[in-house]
N, C-alpha and C. Protein backbone atom coordinates (compact mmCIF):
# COMPACT_ATOMS: atom_id res chain seq x y z
N MET A 1 0.85 -1.17 0.00
CA MET A 1 0.00 0.00 0.00
C MET A 1 0.90 1.23 0.00
N PRO A 2 0.69 2.17 -0.91
CA PRO A 2 1.47 3.41 -0.88
C PRO A 2 1.23 4.14 0.44
N SER A 3 2.27 4.86 0.87
CA SER A 3 2.18 5.49 2.19
C SER A 3 1.13 6.59 2.24
N GLN A 4 0.72 7.13 1.10
CA GLN A 4 -0.25 8.21 1.11
C GLN A 4 -1.69 7.72 1.17
N GLU A 5 -1.89 6.43 1.04
CA GLU A 5 -3.23 5.88 1.10
C GLU A 5 -3.48 5.29 2.47
N ILE A 6 -4.68 5.47 2.95
CA ILE A 6 -5.07 4.88 4.22
C ILE A 6 -6.08 3.79 3.91
N SER A 7 -5.83 2.62 4.43
CA SER A 7 -6.73 1.52 4.19
C SER A 7 -8.07 1.80 4.84
N THR A 8 -9.12 1.76 4.04
CA THR A 8 -10.46 1.97 4.60
C THR A 8 -10.86 0.78 5.45
N GLU A 9 -10.28 -0.39 5.15
CA GLU A 9 -10.57 -1.57 5.96
C GLU A 9 -10.02 -1.39 7.37
N SER A 10 -8.77 -0.90 7.48
CA SER A 10 -8.20 -0.74 8.81
C SER A 10 -8.91 0.38 9.56
N ALA A 11 -9.36 1.41 8.87
CA ALA A 11 -10.10 2.49 9.53
C ALA A 11 -11.48 2.00 9.95
N ALA A 12 -12.10 1.19 9.11
CA ALA A 12 -13.44 0.69 9.43
C ALA A 12 -13.38 -0.37 10.52
N ALA A 13 -12.24 -1.03 10.67
CA ALA A 13 -12.11 -2.08 11.67
C ALA A 13 -12.05 -1.52 13.08
N THR A 14 -11.84 -0.24 13.19
CA THR A 14 -11.79 0.37 14.51
C THR A 14 -12.95 1.33 14.67
N ASP A 15 -13.29 1.58 15.91
CA ASP A 15 -14.34 2.55 16.20
C ASP A 15 -13.75 3.93 16.41
N ARG A 16 -12.49 4.04 16.19
CA ARG A 16 -11.79 5.27 16.49
C ARG A 16 -11.80 6.23 15.30
N ASP A 17 -11.39 7.43 15.59
CA ASP A 17 -11.19 8.45 14.58
C ASP A 17 -10.10 7.95 13.61
N PRO A 18 -10.30 8.07 12.31
CA PRO A 18 -9.29 7.61 11.35
C PRO A 18 -7.92 8.27 11.52
N ILE A 19 -7.87 9.41 12.19
CA ILE A 19 -6.57 10.05 12.41
C ILE A 19 -5.66 9.15 13.22
N PHE A 20 -6.25 8.30 14.09
CA PHE A 20 -5.43 7.39 14.87
C PHE A 20 -4.78 6.33 14.00
N VAL A 21 -5.43 5.94 12.93
CA VAL A 21 -4.85 5.00 11.97
C VAL A 21 -3.65 5.66 11.29
N VAL A 22 -3.79 6.92 10.94
CA VAL A 22 -2.70 7.67 10.30
C VAL A 22 -1.53 7.80 11.28
N ILE A 23 -1.82 8.10 12.54
CA ILE A 23 -0.77 8.25 13.54
C ILE A 23 -0.04 6.92 13.76
N GLU A 24 -0.78 5.83 13.85
CA GLU A 24 -0.15 4.52 14.05
C GLU A 24 0.74 4.15 12.86
N ARG A 25 0.28 4.46 11.66
CA ARG A 25 1.10 4.18 10.46
C ARG A 25 2.39 4.99 10.50
N HIS A 26 2.29 6.24 10.93
CA HIS A 26 3.47 7.09 11.03
C HIS A 26 4.46 6.52 12.06
N ARG A 27 3.94 6.04 13.17
CA ARG A 27 4.80 5.44 14.19
C ARG A 27 5.50 4.19 13.66
N ASP A 28 4.76 3.37 12.92
CA ASP A 28 5.35 2.16 12.33
C ASP A 28 6.46 2.51 11.35
N LEU A 29 6.18 3.46 10.46
CA LEU A 29 7.18 3.87 9.48
C LEU A 29 8.41 4.47 10.17
N SER A 30 8.19 5.22 11.23
CA SER A 30 9.29 5.81 11.97
C SER A 30 10.16 4.72 12.62
N ALA A 31 9.52 3.71 13.17
CA ALA A 31 10.27 2.60 13.78
C ALA A 31 11.07 1.84 12.73
N HIS A 32 10.49 1.63 11.55
CA HIS A 32 11.21 0.94 10.47
C HIS A 32 12.42 1.75 10.02
N TYR A 33 12.25 3.05 9.92
CA TYR A 33 13.38 3.90 9.52
C TYR A 33 14.47 3.88 10.59
N ASP A 34 14.09 4.01 11.85
CA ASP A 34 15.07 4.00 12.94
C ASP A 34 15.86 2.70 12.94
N ALA A 35 15.17 1.58 12.73
CA ALA A 35 15.85 0.28 12.71
C ALA A 35 16.84 0.20 11.55
N ALA A 36 16.44 0.66 10.38
CA ALA A 36 17.33 0.61 9.22
C ALA A 36 18.52 1.54 9.40
N ALA A 37 18.30 2.71 9.95
CA ALA A 37 19.39 3.65 10.16
C ALA A 37 20.38 3.13 11.20
N SER A 38 19.89 2.46 12.22
CA SER A 38 20.80 1.94 13.25
C SER A 38 21.66 0.80 12.69
N VAL A 39 21.12 0.03 11.75
CA VAL A 39 21.91 -1.04 11.13
C VAL A 39 23.01 -0.43 10.25
N SER A 40 22.65 0.52 9.40
CA SER A 40 23.65 1.10 8.50
C SER A 40 24.72 1.86 9.27
N ALA A 41 24.38 2.42 10.42
CA ALA A 41 25.36 3.17 11.21
C ALA A 41 26.44 2.27 11.80
N LYS A 42 26.14 0.98 11.97
CA LYS A 42 27.10 0.05 12.58
C LYS A 42 28.01 -0.63 11.56
N LEU A 43 27.71 -0.49 10.28
CA LEU A 43 28.46 -1.23 9.26
C LEU A 43 29.76 -0.51 8.90
N GLU A 44 30.82 -1.30 8.78
CA GLU A 44 32.12 -0.74 8.41
C GLU A 44 32.47 -1.04 6.96
N ASP A 45 32.00 -2.16 6.44
CA ASP A 45 32.27 -2.51 5.05
C ASP A 45 31.52 -1.54 4.15
N VAL A 46 32.22 -0.95 3.20
CA VAL A 46 31.64 0.09 2.35
C VAL A 46 30.46 -0.44 1.54
N ALA A 47 30.59 -1.61 0.96
CA ALA A 47 29.51 -2.17 0.14
C ALA A 47 28.27 -2.45 0.99
N ASP A 48 28.51 -3.03 2.16
CA ASP A 48 27.38 -3.30 3.06
C ASP A 48 26.72 -2.00 3.52
N PHE A 49 27.56 -0.99 3.82
CA PHE A 49 27.02 0.29 4.27
C PHE A 49 26.13 0.91 3.20
N PHE A 50 26.61 0.94 1.97
CA PHE A 50 25.81 1.57 0.90
C PHE A 50 24.52 0.81 0.63
N ALA A 51 24.55 -0.51 0.74
CA ALA A 51 23.33 -1.29 0.56
C ALA A 51 22.33 -0.98 1.69
N ALA A 52 22.83 -0.96 2.91
CA ALA A 52 21.95 -0.65 4.05
C ALA A 52 21.49 0.80 4.01
N ASP A 53 22.36 1.69 3.56
CA ASP A 53 22.00 3.10 3.47
C ASP A 53 20.92 3.32 2.42
N GLU A 54 20.93 2.53 1.37
CA GLU A 54 19.87 2.62 0.35
C GLU A 54 18.52 2.24 0.96
N ILE A 55 18.51 1.20 1.77
CA ILE A 55 17.28 0.80 2.46
C ILE A 55 16.82 1.89 3.41
N SER A 56 17.77 2.46 4.16
CA SER A 56 17.43 3.56 5.07
C SER A 56 16.82 4.73 4.31
N GLY A 57 17.39 5.03 3.16
CA GLY A 57 16.88 6.13 2.34
C GLY A 57 15.46 5.87 1.86
N GLN A 58 15.18 4.64 1.46
CA GLN A 58 13.82 4.28 1.02
C GLN A 58 12.83 4.40 2.17
N ARG A 59 13.23 3.95 3.35
CA ARG A 59 12.34 4.03 4.51
C ARG A 59 12.14 5.48 4.96
N ASN A 60 13.19 6.28 4.82
CA ASN A 60 13.06 7.69 5.16
C ASN A 60 12.10 8.39 4.19
N LEU A 61 12.17 8.04 2.93
CA LEU A 61 11.27 8.62 1.94
C LEU A 61 9.81 8.25 2.26
N ALA A 62 9.58 6.99 2.59
CA ALA A 62 8.22 6.56 2.95
C ALA A 62 7.72 7.32 4.18
N LEU A 63 8.61 7.50 5.17
CA LEU A 63 8.25 8.24 6.38
C LEU A 63 7.94 9.70 6.05
N THR A 64 8.74 10.31 5.22
CA THR A 64 8.54 11.71 4.84
C THR A 64 7.24 11.89 4.06
N GLU A 65 6.97 10.99 3.14
CA GLU A 65 5.72 11.07 2.38
C GLU A 65 4.51 10.91 3.29
N HIS A 66 4.61 9.99 4.24
CA HIS A 66 3.48 9.79 5.15
C HIS A 66 3.34 10.96 6.13
N ALA A 67 4.44 11.63 6.42
CA ALA A 67 4.35 12.81 7.29
C ALA A 67 3.43 13.86 6.65
N ASN A 68 3.48 13.97 5.34
CA ASN A 68 2.57 14.89 4.64
C ASN A 68 1.12 14.48 4.83
N VAL A 69 0.86 13.18 4.81
CA VAL A 69 -0.50 12.68 5.06
C VAL A 69 -0.91 13.03 6.49
N LEU A 70 0.00 12.81 7.42
CA LEU A 70 -0.29 13.08 8.83
C LEU A 70 -0.60 14.56 9.05
N ILE A 71 0.19 15.42 8.47
CA ILE A 71 0.01 16.86 8.65
C ILE A 71 -1.30 17.34 8.05
N ARG A 72 -1.69 16.78 6.93
CA ARG A 72 -2.89 17.25 6.23
C ARG A 72 -4.18 16.55 6.67
N SER A 73 -4.07 15.53 7.49
CA SER A 73 -5.25 14.80 7.94
C SER A 73 -5.99 15.60 9.00
N LYS A 74 -7.31 15.54 8.92
CA LYS A 74 -8.13 16.24 9.90
C LYS A 74 -8.92 15.22 10.70
N PRO A 75 -8.88 15.33 12.01
CA PRO A 75 -9.66 14.40 12.82
C PRO A 75 -11.15 14.66 12.63
N THR A 76 -11.92 13.61 12.68
CA THR A 76 -13.36 13.75 12.48
C THR A 76 -14.09 14.00 13.79
N THR A 77 -13.39 13.91 14.91
CA THR A 77 -14.03 14.09 16.21
C THR A 77 -14.09 15.54 16.65
N ILE A 78 -13.43 16.44 15.96
CA ILE A 78 -13.35 17.83 16.39
C ILE A 78 -14.74 18.46 16.53
N GLY A 79 -15.64 18.22 15.62
CA GLY A 79 -16.95 18.85 15.65
C GLY A 79 -17.93 18.22 16.61
N ARG A 80 -17.54 17.19 17.30
CA ARG A 80 -18.48 16.47 18.18
C ARG A 80 -18.72 17.18 19.51
N TYR A 81 -17.86 18.06 19.88
CA TYR A 81 -17.98 18.73 21.17
C TYR A 81 -18.13 20.23 20.98
N ARG A 82 -18.87 20.84 21.87
CA ARG A 82 -18.96 22.29 21.82
C ARG A 82 -17.63 22.86 22.28
N SER A 83 -17.27 24.00 21.76
CA SER A 83 -15.96 24.57 22.07
C SER A 83 -15.79 24.86 23.55
N ASN A 84 -16.88 25.15 24.29
CA ASN A 84 -16.72 25.43 25.71
C ASN A 84 -16.51 24.17 26.53
N GLN A 85 -16.66 22.99 25.94
CA GLN A 85 -16.42 21.73 26.65
C GLN A 85 -14.97 21.29 26.51
N ILE A 86 -14.29 21.81 25.52
CA ILE A 86 -12.90 21.44 25.29
C ILE A 86 -12.01 22.37 26.10
N CYS A 87 -11.08 21.80 26.81
CA CYS A 87 -10.11 22.55 27.60
C CYS A 87 -10.77 23.46 28.63
N ARG A 88 -11.88 23.05 29.16
CA ARG A 88 -12.57 23.86 30.17
C ARG A 88 -11.86 23.69 31.51
N ARG A 89 -11.49 24.80 32.09
CA ARG A 89 -10.79 24.78 33.37
C ARG A 89 -11.75 25.20 34.47
N PRO A 90 -11.57 24.65 35.65
CA PRO A 90 -12.41 25.08 36.76
C PRO A 90 -12.12 26.53 37.10
N SER A 91 -13.14 27.20 37.52
CA SER A 91 -13.00 28.60 37.87
C SER A 91 -12.15 28.74 39.13
N ARG A 92 -11.28 29.72 39.13
CA ARG A 92 -10.45 29.97 40.29
C ARG A 92 -10.94 31.20 41.06
N VAL A 93 -12.07 31.72 40.67
CA VAL A 93 -12.63 32.87 41.36
C VAL A 93 -12.98 32.44 42.78
N GLY A 94 -12.54 33.18 43.73
CA GLY A 94 -12.81 32.84 45.12
C GLY A 94 -11.75 31.94 45.73
N ALA A 95 -11.00 31.22 44.92
CA ALA A 95 -9.97 30.32 45.44
C ALA A 95 -8.85 31.14 46.09
N ALA A 96 -8.56 32.30 45.53
CA ALA A 96 -7.48 33.13 46.07
C ALA A 96 -7.90 33.83 47.35
N ARG A 97 -9.20 33.95 47.58
CA ARG A 97 -9.71 34.65 48.77
C ARG A 97 -9.65 33.79 50.03
N ARG A 98 -9.56 32.49 49.88
CA ARG A 98 -9.59 31.58 51.04
C ARG A 98 -8.35 31.63 51.87
């Protein structure tokens, strides 16, 4: 599956906001890139390093492309709550007088 596409099956399989599917995919791609980069960083043989570095580059590209999906994705839960219910803090009026 290309990194810019989100599987409707995986989104439909959960009751959650599809943004969580996008976030989980980004975390997976990030972990794959980190693993590939850590392998190439340990290699001393030039041929092995360049082969591993090519894999790291491909995984970094997939991560970067999916980052664009993550940035442009909008959660569907935003409109479910009134704005005064989000981040509502208890009133401190009178608390300072005690």
